[in-house]
Amino acid sequence: MEGKLTTLRGRRFYGVVVDGQYRACVAIRPEDYDDALPHPTWVIPGGKFARRKLAHWEQHRHLIGETILQMRERADFDASRYCIEYYRSQRELLLMAPVL
């Protein structure tokens, strides 16, 4: 996906599991429509989210799944929406669980 973008600078990257499949996502900018987009588009449902920060996530990838599972145990977890991984930088990942 990154190879199809003219630049990674200023981009927002996300990860979402939908029906058991991982979707790597990037926020689209107006200039991205100049050429045909190489992948299907989709909108991540918004709303209120609980967040946990995972620093140095590349060295702690094993914590991503277990942290999401812990967040899904919250009493206010909204199972009708998706948990989101927001890759703020190569050092910082925000794990987000939808809440009511």
C-alpha atoms as a PDB file:
ATOM      1  CA  MET A   1       0.000   0.000   0.000  1.00  0.00           C
ATOM      2  CA  GLU A   2       2.765   2.457   0.911  1.00  0.00           C
ATOM      3  CA  GLY A   3       4.422   1.920  -2.461  1.00  0.00           C
ATOM      4  CA  LYS A   4       1.368   3.352  -4.237  1.00  0.00           C
ATOM      5  CA  LEU A   5       1.549   6.667  -2.345  1.00  0.00           C
ATOM      6  CA  THR A   6       3.569   9.601  -3.631  1.00  0.00           C
ATOM      7  CA  THR A   7       4.761  10.353  -0.082  1.00  0.00           C
ATOM      8  CA  LEU A   8       4.299   8.954   3.429  1.00  0.00           C
ATOM      9  CA  ARG A   9       4.945  12.325   5.084  1.00  0.00           C
ATOM     10  CA  GLY A  10       1.877  13.611   6.902  1.00  0.00           C
ATOM     11  CA  ARG A  11      -0.118  10.444   6.246  1.00  0.00           C
ATOM     12  CA  ARG A  12      -2.366   8.794   8.818  1.00  0.00           C
ATOM     13  CA  PHE A  13      -2.187   5.001   8.927  1.00  0.00           C
ATOM     14  CA  TYR A  14      -4.686   2.690  10.600  1.00  0.00           C
ATOM     15  CA  GLY A  15      -5.344  -0.999  11.059  1.00  0.00           C
ATOM     16  CA  VAL A  16      -8.814  -2.497  11.530  1.00  0.00           C
ATOM     17  CA  VAL A  17     -10.023  -6.122  11.731  1.00  0.00           C
ATOM     18  CA  VAL A  18     -13.273  -6.580   9.808  1.00  0.00           C
ATOM     19  CA  ASP A  19     -14.951 -10.000   9.722  1.00  0.00           C
ATOM     20  CA  GLY A  20     -11.694 -11.671  10.752  1.00  0.00           C
ATOM     21  CA  GLN A  21      -9.606  -9.927   8.067  1.00  0.00           C
ATOM     22  CA  TYR A  22      -7.009  -7.247   8.810  1.00  0.00           C
ATOM     23  CA  ARG A  23      -7.381  -4.065   6.793  1.00  0.00           C
ATOM     24  CA  ALA A  24      -4.396  -1.766   6.449  1.00  0.00           C
ATOM     25  CA  CYS A  25      -5.801   1.715   5.932  1.00  0.00           C
ATOM     26  CA  VAL A  26      -4.498   5.166   5.062  1.00  0.00           C
ATOM     27  CA  ALA A  27      -6.437   8.426   5.192  1.00  0.00           C
ATOM     28  CA  ILE A  28      -7.078   9.762   1.704  1.00  0.00           C
ATOM     29  CA  ARG A  29      -6.112  13.290   0.733  1.00  0.00           C
ATOM     30  CA  PRO A  30      -7.752  15.334  -2.029  1.00  0.00           C
ATOM     31  CA  GLU A  31      -4.674  14.989  -4.265  1.00  0.00           C
ATOM     32  CA  ASP A  32      -4.990  11.192  -4.091  1.00  0.00           C
ATOM     33  CA  TYR A  33      -7.948  11.406  -6.456  1.00  0.00           C
ATOM     34  CA  ASP A  34      -5.778  12.806  -9.263  1.00  0.00           C
ATOM     35  CA  ASP A  35      -5.064   9.240 -10.367  1.00  0.00           C
ATOM     36  CA  ALA A  36      -7.226   6.172 -10.021  1.00  0.00           C
ATOM     37  CA  LEU A  37      -6.894   4.831  -6.487  1.00  0.00           C
ATOM     38  CA  PRO A  38      -5.209   1.413  -6.587  1.00  0.00           C
ATOM     39  CA  HIS A  39      -7.221  -0.069  -3.711  1.00  0.00           C
ATOM     40  CA  PRO A  40     -10.865  -0.061  -2.622  1.00  0.00           C
ATOM     41  CA  THR A  41     -11.914   2.762  -0.317  1.00  0.00           C
ATOM     42  CA  TRP A  42     -13.764   2.430   2.958  1.00  0.00           C
ATOM     43  CA  VAL A  43     -14.685   4.717   5.854  1.00  0.00           C
ATOM     44  CA  ILE A  44     -13.790   3.670   9.392  1.00  0.00           C
ATOM     45  CA  PRO A  45     -16.885   4.256  11.562  1.00  0.00           C
ATOM     46  CA  GLY A  46     -16.336   7.093  14.023  1.00  0.00           C
ATOM     47  CA  GLY A  47     -17.619   7.738  17.515  1.00  0.00           C
ATOM     48  CA  LYS A  48     -16.292   7.645  21.041  1.00  0.00           C
ATOM     49  CA  PHE A  49     -13.211   5.499  21.772  1.00  0.00           C
ATOM     50  CA  ALA A  50     -11.150   4.471  24.781  1.00  0.00           C
ATOM     51  CA  ARG A  51      -7.439   4.686  23.951  1.00  0.00           C
ATOM     52  CA  ARG A  52      -4.231   3.045  25.097  1.00  0.00           C
ATOM     53  CA  LYS A  53      -0.821   4.195  23.908  1.00  0.00           C
ATOM     54  CA  LEU A  54       1.798   1.604  22.968  1.00  0.00           C
ATOM     55  CA  ALA A  55       5.262   3.158  22.755  1.00  0.00           C
ATOM     56  CA  HIS A  56       7.935   1.542  20.599  1.00  0.00           C
ATOM     57  CA  TRP A  57       5.248  -0.687  19.115  1.00  0.00           C
ATOM     58  CA  GLU A  58       7.549  -2.360  16.594  1.00  0.00           C
ATOM     59  CA  GLN A  59       9.423  -3.983  19.502  1.00  0.00           C
ATOM     60  CA  HIS A  60       6.129  -4.778  21.272  1.00  0.00           C
ATOM     61  CA  ARG A  61       3.920  -6.136  18.504  1.00  0.00           C
ATOM     62  CA  HIS A  62       3.037  -9.072  20.734  1.00  0.00           C
ATOM     63  CA  LEU A  63       1.192  -6.643  23.040  1.00  0.00           C
ATOM     64  CA  ILE A  64      -1.179  -5.306  20.376  1.00  0.00           C
ATOM     65  CA  GLY A  65      -3.621  -8.220  20.350  1.00  0.00           C
ATOM     66  CA  GLU A  66      -3.661  -8.777  24.099  1.00  0.00           C
ATOM     67  CA  THR A  67      -4.188  -5.056  24.757  1.00  0.00           C
ATOM     68  CA  ILE A  68      -7.127  -4.955  22.357  1.00  0.00           C
ATOM     69  CA  LEU A  69      -8.611  -8.047  24.041  1.00  0.00           C
ATOM     70  CA  GLN A  70      -8.320  -6.352  27.441  1.00  0.00           C
ATOM     71  CA  MET A  71     -10.005  -3.231  26.107  1.00  0.00           C
ATOM     72  CA  ARG A  72     -12.862  -5.309  24.688  1.00  0.00           C
ATOM     73  CA  GLU A  73     -13.630  -6.472  28.246  1.00  0.00           C
ATOM     74  CA  ARG A  74     -14.682  -2.965  29.308  1.00  0.00           C
ATOM     75  CA  ALA A  75     -18.279  -2.718  30.524  1.00  0.00           C
ATOM     76  CA  ASP A  76     -18.916   0.134  28.062  1.00  0.00           C
ATOM     77  CA  PHE A  77     -17.368  -1.613  25.018  1.00  0.00           C
ATOM     78  CA  ASP A  78     -19.442  -1.097  21.859  1.00  0.00           C
ATOM     79  CA  ALA A  79     -19.323  -4.386  19.936  1.00  0.00           C
ATOM     80  CA  SER A  80     -21.217  -2.855  16.989  1.00  0.00           C
ATOM     81  CA  ARG A  81     -18.070  -0.949  15.904  1.00  0.00           C
ATOM     82  CA  TYR A  82     -14.447  -1.891  15.237  1.00  0.00           C
ATOM     83  CA  CYS A  83     -11.306  -1.570  17.318  1.00  0.00           C
ATOM     84  CA  ILE A  84      -8.710   0.583  15.580  1.00  0.00           C
ATOM     85  CA  GLU A  85      -4.940   0.718  15.513  1.00  0.00           C
ATOM     86  CA  TYR A  86      -3.755   4.258  14.772  1.00  0.00           C
ATOM     87  CA  TYR A  87      -0.076   4.375  13.829  1.00  0.00           C
ATOM     88  CA  ARG A  88       0.854   7.915  14.934  1.00  0.00           C
ATOM     89  CA  SER A  89       4.532   7.338  14.142  1.00  0.00           C
ATOM     90  CA  GLN A  90       7.100   4.573  13.955  1.00  0.00           C
ATOM     91  CA  ARG A  91       7.445   4.956  17.726  1.00  0.00           C
ATOM     92  CA  GLU A  92       3.827   5.402  18.839  1.00  0.00           C
ATOM     93  CA  LEU A  93       0.672   3.380  18.279  1.00  0.00           C
ATOM     94  CA  LEU A  94      -2.744   4.248  19.686  1.00  0.00           C
ATOM     95  CA  LEU A  95      -5.037   1.284  20.285  1.00  0.00           C
ATOM     96  CA  MET A  96      -8.657   2.373  20.251  1.00  0.00           C
ATOM     97  CA  ALA A  97     -11.734   0.455  21.436  1.00  0.00           C
ATOM     98  CA  PRO A  98     -15.202   1.838  20.698  1.00  0.00           C
ATOM     99  CA  VAL A  99     -17.254   2.677  23.773  1.00  0.00           C
ATOM    100  CA  LEU A 100     -20.857   3.646  24.330  1.00  0.00           C
END
